[in-house]
Amino acid sequence: MNNKVLAHASCVEGPGRAGSTLLPVPAVAVVIVVVVLTAVMVACQMPLETVVTAITVGGLLAVELLRRTIAALAPRSRTL
């Protein structure tokens, strides 16, 4: 079996010329989700202030949720 993983297997090439900066796939997915959510809210004729507030609060809550999840699942040091 081939256990080698390509260095850029979890990255996608950003816009521009060949050899441009590689972006991690999760970052690209987050950008796409934020753009789609923003477009949907604007298409539903929500006020721009509400759209910005909703995206900002959602992002802050997501960051906090990820931090707490990682902290809960991380191995704890048991040295006394």
PDB file of N, CA and C in Angstrom:
ATOM      1  N   MET A   1       0.836  -1.184   0.000  1.00  0.00           N
ATOM      2  CA  MET A   1       0.000   0.000   0.000  1.00  0.00           C
ATOM      3  C   MET A   1       0.875   1.240   0.000  1.00  0.00           C
ATOM      4  N   ASN A   2       0.371   2.256  -0.631  1.00  0.00           N
ATOM      5  CA  ASN A   2       1.102   3.507  -0.702  1.00  0.00           C
ATOM      6  C   ASN A   2       0.635   4.417   0.427  1.00  0.00           C
ATOM      7  N   ASN A   3       1.488   4.640   1.416  1.00  0.00           N
ATOM      8  CA  ASN A   3       1.137   5.468   2.567  1.00  0.00           C
ATOM      9  C   ASN A   3       1.548   6.917   2.404  1.00  0.00           C
ATOM     10  N   LYS A   4       2.067   7.272   1.262  1.00  0.00           N
ATOM     11  CA  LYS A   4       2.517   8.645   1.043  1.00  0.00           C
ATOM     12  C   LYS A   4       1.315   9.542   0.748  1.00  0.00           C
ATOM     13  N   VAL A   5       1.301  10.712   1.387  1.00  0.00           N
ATOM     14  CA  VAL A   5       0.254  11.691   1.161  1.00  0.00           C
ATOM     15  C   VAL A   5       0.891  12.869   0.445  1.00  0.00           C
ATOM     16  N   LEU A   6       0.248  13.320  -0.607  1.00  0.00           N
ATOM     17  CA  LEU A   6       0.773  14.466  -1.327  1.00  0.00           C
ATOM     18  C   LEU A   6       0.744  15.702  -0.433  1.00  0.00           C
ATOM     19  N   ALA A   7       1.732  16.538  -0.583  1.00  0.00           N
ATOM     20  CA  ALA A   7       1.852  17.721   0.266  1.00  0.00           C
ATOM     21  C   ALA A   7       0.666  18.660   0.088  1.00  0.00           C
ATOM     22  N   HIS A   8       0.101  18.711  -1.110  1.00  0.00           N
ATOM     23  CA  HIS A   8      -0.979  19.652  -1.388  1.00  0.00           C
ATOM     24  C   HIS A   8      -2.319  18.935  -1.569  1.00  0.00           C
ATOM     25  N   ALA A   9      -2.480  17.766  -0.961  1.00  0.00           N
ATOM     26  CA  ALA A   9      -3.705  16.996  -1.149  1.00  0.00           C
ATOM     27  C   ALA A   9      -4.921  17.687  -0.548  1.00  0.00           C
ATOM     28  N   SER A  10      -4.745  18.448   0.526  1.00  0.00           N
ATOM     29  CA  SER A  10      -5.881  19.103   1.169  1.00  0.00           C
ATOM     30  C   SER A  10      -5.911  20.594   0.873  1.00  0.00           C
ATOM     31  N   CYS A  11      -5.372  20.993  -0.262  1.00  0.00           N
ATOM     32  CA  CYS A  11      -5.360  22.393  -0.650  1.00  0.00           C
ATOM     33  C   CYS A  11      -5.915  22.541  -2.059  1.00  0.00           C
ATOM     34  N   VAL A  12      -6.410  23.730  -2.355  1.00  0.00           N
ATOM     35  CA  VAL A  12      -6.850  24.048  -3.700  1.00  0.00           C
ATOM     36  C   VAL A  12      -6.103  25.289  -4.148  1.00  0.00           C
ATOM     37  N   GLU A  13      -5.902  25.401  -5.442  1.00  0.00           N
ATOM     38  CA  GLU A  13      -5.167  26.543  -5.957  1.00  0.00           C
ATOM     39  C   GLU A  13      -6.092  27.737  -6.058  1.00  0.00           C
ATOM     40  N   GLY A  14      -5.653  28.853  -5.508  1.00  0.00           N
ATOM     41  CA  GLY A  14      -6.447  30.069  -5.544  1.00  0.00           C
ATOM     42  C   GLY A  14      -6.487  30.648  -6.945  1.00  0.00           C
ATOM     43  N   PRO A  15      -7.309  31.682  -7.139  1.00  0.00           N
ATOM     44  CA  PRO A  15      -7.393  32.288  -8.456  1.00  0.00           C
ATOM     45  C   PRO A  15      -6.074  32.946  -8.827  1.00  0.00           C
ATOM     46  N   GLY A  16      -5.824  33.042 -10.104  1.00  0.00           N
ATOM     47  CA  GLY A  16      -4.591  33.664 -10.562  1.00  0.00           C
ATOM     48  C   GLY A  16      -3.795  32.734 -11.430  1.00  0.00           C
ATOM     49  N   ARG A  17      -2.550  32.986 -11.494  1.00  0.00           N
ATOM     50  CA  ARG A  17      -1.683  32.203 -12.370  1.00  0.00           C
ATOM     51  C   ARG A  17      -1.237  30.913 -11.693  1.00  0.00           C
ATOM     52  N   ALA A  18      -0.651  30.043 -12.480  1.00  0.00           N
ATOM     53  CA  ALA A  18      -0.133  28.783 -11.942  1.00  0.00           C
ATOM     54  C   ALA A  18       0.955  29.097 -10.916  1.00  0.00           C
ATOM     55  N   GLY A  19       0.968  28.323  -9.848  1.00  0.00           N
ATOM     56  CA  GLY A  19       1.954  28.545  -8.798  1.00  0.00           C
ATOM     57  C   GLY A  19       1.504  29.571  -7.776  1.00  0.00           C
ATOM     58  N   SER A  20       0.222  29.963  -7.827  1.00  0.00           N
ATOM     59  CA  SER A  20      -0.264  30.937  -6.854  1.00  0.00           C
ATOM     60  C   SER A  20      -0.426  30.275  -5.490  1.00  0.00           C
ATOM     61  N   THR A  21      -0.796  31.048  -4.504  1.00  0.00           N
ATOM     62  CA  THR A  21      -0.921  30.569  -3.137  1.00  0.00           C
ATOM     63  C   THR A  21      -1.971  29.470  -3.040  1.00  0.00           C
ATOM     64  N   LEU A  22      -1.637  28.391  -2.327  1.00  0.00           N
ATOM     65  CA  LEU A  22      -2.585  27.312  -2.124  1.00  0.00           C
ATOM     66  C   LEU A  22      -3.400  27.591  -0.867  1.00  0.00           C
ATOM     67  N   LEU A  23      -4.714  27.430  -0.972  1.00  0.00           N
ATOM     68  CA  LEU A  23      -5.605  27.671   0.145  1.00  0.00           C
ATOM     69  C   LEU A  23      -6.101  26.350   0.698  1.00  0.00           C
ATOM     70  N   PRO A  24      -6.195  26.210   2.021  1.00  0.00           N
ATOM     71  CA  PRO A  24      -6.730  24.971   2.584  1.00  0.00           C
ATOM     72  C   PRO A  24      -8.206  24.812   2.207  1.00  0.00           C
ATOM     73  N   VAL A  25      -8.608  23.590   1.943  1.00  0.00           N
ATOM     74  CA  VAL A  25      -9.977  23.308   1.500  1.00  0.00           C
ATOM     75  C   VAL A  25     -11.026  23.797   2.500  1.00  0.00           C
ATOM     76  N   PRO A  26     -10.864  23.601   3.824  1.00  0.00           N
ATOM     77  CA  PRO A  26     -11.882  24.115   4.744  1.00  0.00           C
ATOM     78  C   PRO A  26     -12.067  25.630   4.656  1.00  0.00           C
ATOM     79  N   ALA A  27     -11.005  26.365   4.413  1.00  0.00           N
ATOM     80  CA  ALA A  27     -11.116  27.819   4.293  1.00  0.00           C
ATOM     81  C   ALA A  27     -11.945  28.190   3.068  1.00  0.00           C
ATOM     82  N   VAL A  28     -11.744  27.478   1.978  1.00  0.00           N
ATOM     83  CA  VAL A  28     -12.520  27.733   0.765  1.00  0.00           C
ATOM     84  C   VAL A  28     -13.992  27.408   1.015  1.00  0.00           C
ATOM     85  N   ALA A  29     -14.264  26.322   1.717  1.00  0.00           N
ATOM     86  CA  ALA A  29     -15.645  25.941   2.018  1.00  0.00           C
ATOM     87  C   ALA A  29     -16.325  26.998   2.889  1.00  0.00           C
ATOM     88  N   VAL A  30     -15.614  27.525   3.869  1.00  0.00           N
ATOM     89  CA  VAL A  30     -16.182  28.558   4.745  1.00  0.00           C
ATOM     90  C   VAL A  30     -16.501  29.814   3.937  1.00  0.00           C
ATOM     91  N   VAL A  31     -15.617  30.209   3.065  1.00  0.00           N
ATOM     92  CA  VAL A  31     -15.849  31.397   2.241  1.00  0.00           C
ATOM     93  C   VAL A  31     -17.078  31.197   1.357  1.00  0.00           C
ATOM     94  N   ILE A  32     -17.198  30.026   0.757  1.00  0.00           N
ATOM     95  CA  ILE A  32     -18.349  29.749  -0.105  1.00  0.00           C
ATOM     96  C   ILE A  32     -19.643  29.786   0.696  1.00  0.00           C
ATOM     97  N   VAL A  33     -19.659  29.195   1.878  1.00  0.00           N
ATOM     98  CA  VAL A  33     -20.862  29.190   2.715  1.00  0.00           C
ATOM     99  C   VAL A  33     -21.247  30.609   3.117  1.00  0.00           C
ATOM    100  N   VAL A  34     -20.283  31.415   3.518  1.00  0.00           N
ATOM    101  CA  VAL A  34     -20.573  32.794   3.925  1.00  0.00           C
ATOM    102  C   VAL A  34     -21.119  33.602   2.751  1.00  0.00           C
ATOM    103  N   VAL A  35     -20.538  33.444   1.581  1.00  0.00           N
ATOM    104  CA  VAL A  35     -21.010  34.180   0.404  1.00  0.00           C
ATOM    105  C   VAL A  35     -22.433  33.752   0.037  1.00  0.00           C
ATOM    106  N   VAL A  36     -22.702  32.446   0.086  1.00  0.00           N
ATOM    107  CA  VAL A  36     -24.047  31.959  -0.246  1.00  0.00           C
ATOM    108  C   VAL A  36     -25.075  32.460   0.768  1.00  0.00           C
ATOM    109  N   LEU A  37     -24.750  32.369   2.069  1.00  0.00           N
ATOM    110  CA  LEU A  37     -25.679  32.866   3.094  1.00  0.00           C
ATOM    111  C   LEU A  37     -25.944  34.361   2.924  1.00  0.00           C
ATOM    112  N   THR A  38     -24.905  35.115   2.653  1.00  0.00           N
ATOM    113  CA  THR A  38     -25.065  36.551   2.456  1.00  0.00           C
ATOM    114  C   THR A  38     -25.949  36.827   1.241  1.00  0.00           C
ATOM    115  N   ALA A  39     -25.713  36.117   0.155  1.00  0.00           N
ATOM    116  CA  ALA A  39     -26.509  36.317  -1.058  1.00  0.00           C
ATOM    117  C   ALA A  39     -27.975  35.964  -0.819  1.00  0.00           C
ATOM    118  N   VAL A  40     -28.225  34.882  -0.091  1.00  0.00           N
ATOM    119  CA  VAL A  40     -29.615  34.476   0.197  1.00  0.00           C
ATOM    120  C   VAL A  40     -30.315  35.532   1.046  1.00  0.00           C
ATOM    121  N   MET A  41     -29.630  36.042   2.065  1.00  0.00           N
ATOM    122  CA  MET A  41     -30.250  37.049   2.921  1.00  0.00           C
ATOM    123  C   MET A  41     -30.518  38.344   2.161  1.00  0.00           C
ATOM    124  N   VAL A  42     -29.602  38.735   1.291  1.00  0.00           N
ATOM    125  CA  VAL A  42     -29.807  39.947   0.496  1.00  0.00           C
ATOM    126  C   VAL A  42     -30.936  39.717  -0.505  1.00  0.00           C
ATOM    127  N   ALA A  43     -31.015  38.520  -1.099  1.00  0.00           N
ATOM    128  CA  ALA A  43     -32.080  38.205  -2.049  1.00  0.00           C
ATOM    129  C   ALA A  43     -33.449  38.208  -1.374  1.00  0.00           C
ATOM    130  N   CYS A  44     -33.492  37.889  -0.085  1.00  0.00           N
ATOM    131  CA  CYS A  44     -34.747  37.929   0.676  1.00  0.00           C
ATOM    132  C   CYS A  44     -35.058  39.336   1.167  1.00  0.00           C
ATOM    133  N   GLN A  45     -34.322  40.310   0.691  1.00  0.00           N
ATOM    134  CA  GLN A  45     -34.513  41.729   0.975  1.00  0.00           C
ATOM    135  C   GLN A  45     -34.381  42.075   2.454  1.00  0.00           C
ATOM    136  N   MET A  46     -33.437  41.429   3.121  1.00  0.00           N
ATOM    137  CA  MET A  46     -33.144  41.801   4.506  1.00  0.00           C
ATOM    138  C   MET A  46     -32.277  43.055   4.489  1.00  0.00           C
ATOM    139  N   PRO A  47     -32.414  43.922   5.485  1.00  0.00           N
ATOM    140  CA  PRO A  47     -31.562  45.114   5.538  1.00  0.00           C
ATOM    141  C   PRO A  47     -30.083  44.719   5.653  1.00  0.00           C
ATOM    142  N   LEU A  48     -29.228  45.517   5.046  1.00  0.00           N
ATOM    143  CA  LEU A  48     -27.800  45.209   5.019  1.00  0.00           C
ATOM    144  C   LEU A  48     -27.222  45.116   6.431  1.00  0.00           C
ATOM    145  N   GLU A  49     -27.688  45.950   7.347  1.00  0.00           N
ATOM    146  CA  GLU A  49     -27.194  45.914   8.718  1.00  0.00           C
ATOM    147  C   GLU A  49     -27.524  44.574   9.382  1.00  0.00           C
ATOM    148  N   THR A  50     -28.697  44.039   9.099  1.00  0.00           N
ATOM    149  CA  THR A  50     -29.096  42.752   9.653  1.00  0.00           C
ATOM    150  C   THR A  50     -28.242  41.632   9.085  1.00  0.00           C
ATOM    151  N   VAL A  51     -27.943  41.697   7.800  1.00  0.00           N
ATOM    152  CA  VAL A  51     -27.112  40.676   7.157  1.00  0.00           C
ATOM    153  C   VAL A  51     -25.721  40.674   7.771  1.00  0.00           C
ATOM    154  N   VAL A  52     -25.126  41.847   7.906  1.00  0.00           N
ATOM    155  CA  VAL A  52     -23.774  41.951   8.473  1.00  0.00           C
ATOM    156  C   VAL A  52     -23.766  41.462   9.919  1.00  0.00           C
ATOM    157  N   THR A  53     -24.776  41.852  10.688  1.00  0.00           N
ATOM    158  CA  THR A  53     -24.857  41.419  12.084  1.00  0.00           C
ATOM    159  C   THR A  53     -25.008  39.912  12.190  1.00  0.00           C
ATOM    160  N   ALA A  54     -25.877  39.337  11.381  1.00  0.00           N
ATOM    161  CA  ALA A  54     -26.115  37.887  11.431  1.00  0.00           C
ATOM    162  C   ALA A  54     -24.858  37.106  11.049  1.00  0.00           C
ATOM    163  N   ILE A  55     -24.158  37.518  10.011  1.00  0.00           N
ATOM    164  CA  ILE A  55     -22.934  36.832   9.579  1.00  0.00           C
ATOM    165  C   ILE A  55     -21.850  36.976  10.645  1.00  0.00           C
ATOM    166  N   THR A  56     -21.718  38.157  11.237  1.00  0.00           N
ATOM    167  CA  THR A  56     -20.696  38.384  12.257  1.00  0.00           C
ATOM    168  C   THR A  56     -20.965  37.563  13.511  1.00  0.00           C
ATOM    169  N   VAL A  57     -22.188  37.609  14.005  1.00  0.00           N
ATOM    170  CA  VAL A  57     -22.530  36.857  15.214  1.00  0.00           C
ATOM    171  C   VAL A  57     -22.406  35.363  14.961  1.00  0.00           C
ATOM    172  N   GLY A  58     -22.857  34.903  13.803  1.00  0.00           N
ATOM    173  CA  GLY A  58     -22.722  33.486  13.462  1.00  0.00           C
ATOM    174  C   GLY A  58     -21.267  33.051  13.417  1.00  0.00           C
ATOM    175  N   GLY A  59     -20.405  33.883  12.857  1.00  0.00           N
ATOM    176  CA  GLY A  59     -18.973  33.561  12.808  1.00  0.00           C
ATOM    177  C   GLY A  59     -18.346  33.497  14.188  1.00  0.00           C
ATOM    178  N   LEU A  60     -18.695  34.451  15.041  1.00  0.00           N
ATOM    179  CA  LEU A  60     -18.153  34.451  16.402  1.00  0.00           C
ATOM    180  C   LEU A  60     -18.637  33.237  17.190  1.00  0.00           C
ATOM    181  N   LEU A  61     -19.894  32.885  17.036  1.00  0.00           N
ATOM    182  CA  LEU A  61     -20.415  31.706  17.722  1.00  0.00           C
ATOM    183  C   LEU A  61     -19.756  30.429  17.210  1.00  0.00           C
ATOM    184  N   ALA A  62     -19.526  30.354  15.917  1.00  0.00           N
ATOM    185  CA  ALA A  62     -18.879  29.173  15.346  1.00  0.00           C
ATOM    186  C   ALA A  62     -17.449  29.029  15.862  1.00  0.00           C
ATOM    187  N   VAL A  63     -16.721  30.129  15.950  1.00  0.00           N
ATOM    188  CA  VAL A  63     -15.348  30.081  16.460  1.00  0.00           C
ATOM    189  C   VAL A  63     -15.334  29.605  17.905  1.00  0.00           C
ATOM    190  N   GLU A  64     -16.240  30.139  18.717  1.00  0.00           N
ATOM    191  CA  GLU A  64     -16.302  29.736  20.125  1.00  0.00           C
ATOM    192  C   GLU A  64     -16.693  28.266  20.262  1.00  0.00           C
ATOM    193  N   LEU A  65     -17.629  27.812  19.455  1.00  0.00           N
ATOM    194  CA  LEU A  65     -18.039  26.408  19.478  1.00  0.00           C
ATOM    195  C   LEU A  65     -16.879  25.492  19.113  1.00  0.00           C
ATOM    196  N   LEU A  66     -16.117  25.861  18.089  1.00  0.00           N
ATOM    197  CA  LEU A  66     -14.956  25.053  17.702  1.00  0.00           C
ATOM    198  C   LEU A  66     -13.902  25.036  18.800  1.00  0.00           C
ATOM    199  N   ARG A  67     -13.634  26.181  19.402  1.00  0.00           N
ATOM    200  CA  ARG A  67     -12.628  26.229  20.476  1.00  0.00           C
ATOM    201  C   ARG A  67     -13.023  25.340  21.650  1.00  0.00           C
ATOM    202  N   ARG A  68     -14.279  25.410  22.059  1.00  0.00           N
ATOM    203  CA  ARG A  68     -14.729  24.595  23.194  1.00  0.00           C
ATOM    204  C   ARG A  68     -14.750  23.112  22.847  1.00  0.00           C
ATOM    205  N   THR A  69     -15.120  22.788  21.615  1.00  0.00           N
ATOM    206  CA  THR A  69     -15.109  21.384  21.191  1.00  0.00           C
ATOM    207  C   THR A  69     -13.694  20.837  21.177  1.00  0.00           C
ATOM    208  N   ILE A  70     -12.765  21.605  20.641  1.00  0.00           N
ATOM    209  CA  ILE A  70     -11.366  21.170  20.608  1.00  0.00           C
ATOM    210  C   ILE A  70     -10.818  21.033  22.024  1.00  0.00           C
ATOM    211  N   ALA A  71     -11.155  21.974  22.895  1.00  0.00           N
ATOM    212  CA  ALA A  71     -10.690  21.900  24.275  1.00  0.00           C
ATOM    213  C   ALA A  71     -11.269  20.680  24.997  1.00  0.00           C
ATOM    214  N   ALA A  72     -12.516  20.347  24.703  1.00  0.00           N
ATOM    215  CA  ALA A  72     -13.141  19.197  25.359  1.00  0.00           C
ATOM    216  C   ALA A  72     -12.570  17.876  24.854  1.00  0.00           C
ATOM    217  N   LEU A  73     -12.180  17.837  23.598  1.00  0.00           N
ATOM    218  CA  LEU A  73     -11.690  16.587  23.016  1.00  0.00           C
ATOM    219  C   LEU A  73     -10.172  16.425  23.093  1.00  0.00           C
ATOM    220  N   ALA A  74      -9.465  17.496  23.421  1.00  0.00           N
ATOM    221  CA  ALA A  74      -8.009  17.442  23.487  1.00  0.00           C
ATOM    222  C   ALA A  74      -7.564  16.615  24.684  1.00  0.00           C
ATOM    223  N   PRO A  75      -6.515  15.841  24.519  1.00  0.00           N
ATOM    224  CA  PRO A  75      -6.013  15.076  25.668  1.00  0.00           C
ATOM    225  C   PRO A  75      -5.488  16.040  26.729  1.00  0.00           C
ATOM    226  N   ARG A  76      -5.839  15.744  27.962  1.00  0.00           N
ATOM    227  CA  ARG A  76      -5.408  16.604  29.062  1.00  0.00           C
ATOM    228  C   ARG A  76      -4.111  16.078  29.666  1.00  0.00           C
ATOM    229  N   SER A  77      -3.326  17.009  30.148  1.00  0.00           N
ATOM    230  CA  SER A  77      -2.097  16.637  30.816  1.00  0.00           C
ATOM    231  C   SER A  77      -2.427  16.138  32.225  1.00  0.00           C
ATOM    232  N   ARG A  78      -1.921  14.981  32.593  1.00  0.00           N
ATOM    233  CA  ARG A  78      -2.247  14.396  33.913  1.00  0.00           C
ATOM    234  C   ARG A  78      -1.023  14.341  34.827  1.00  0.00           C
ATOM    235  N   THR A  79      -0.158  15.305  34.691  1.00  0.00           N
ATOM    236  CA  THR A  79       1.014  15.345  35.555  1.00  0.00           C
ATOM    237  C   THR A  79       0.639  16.041  36.855  1.00  0.00           C
ATOM    238  N   LEU A  80       1.105  15.497  37.970  1.00  0.00           N
ATOM    239  CA  LEU A  80       0.832  16.091  39.280  1.00  0.00           C
ATOM    240  C   LEU A  80       2.088  16.616  39.894  1.00  0.00           C
TER     241      LEU A  80
END
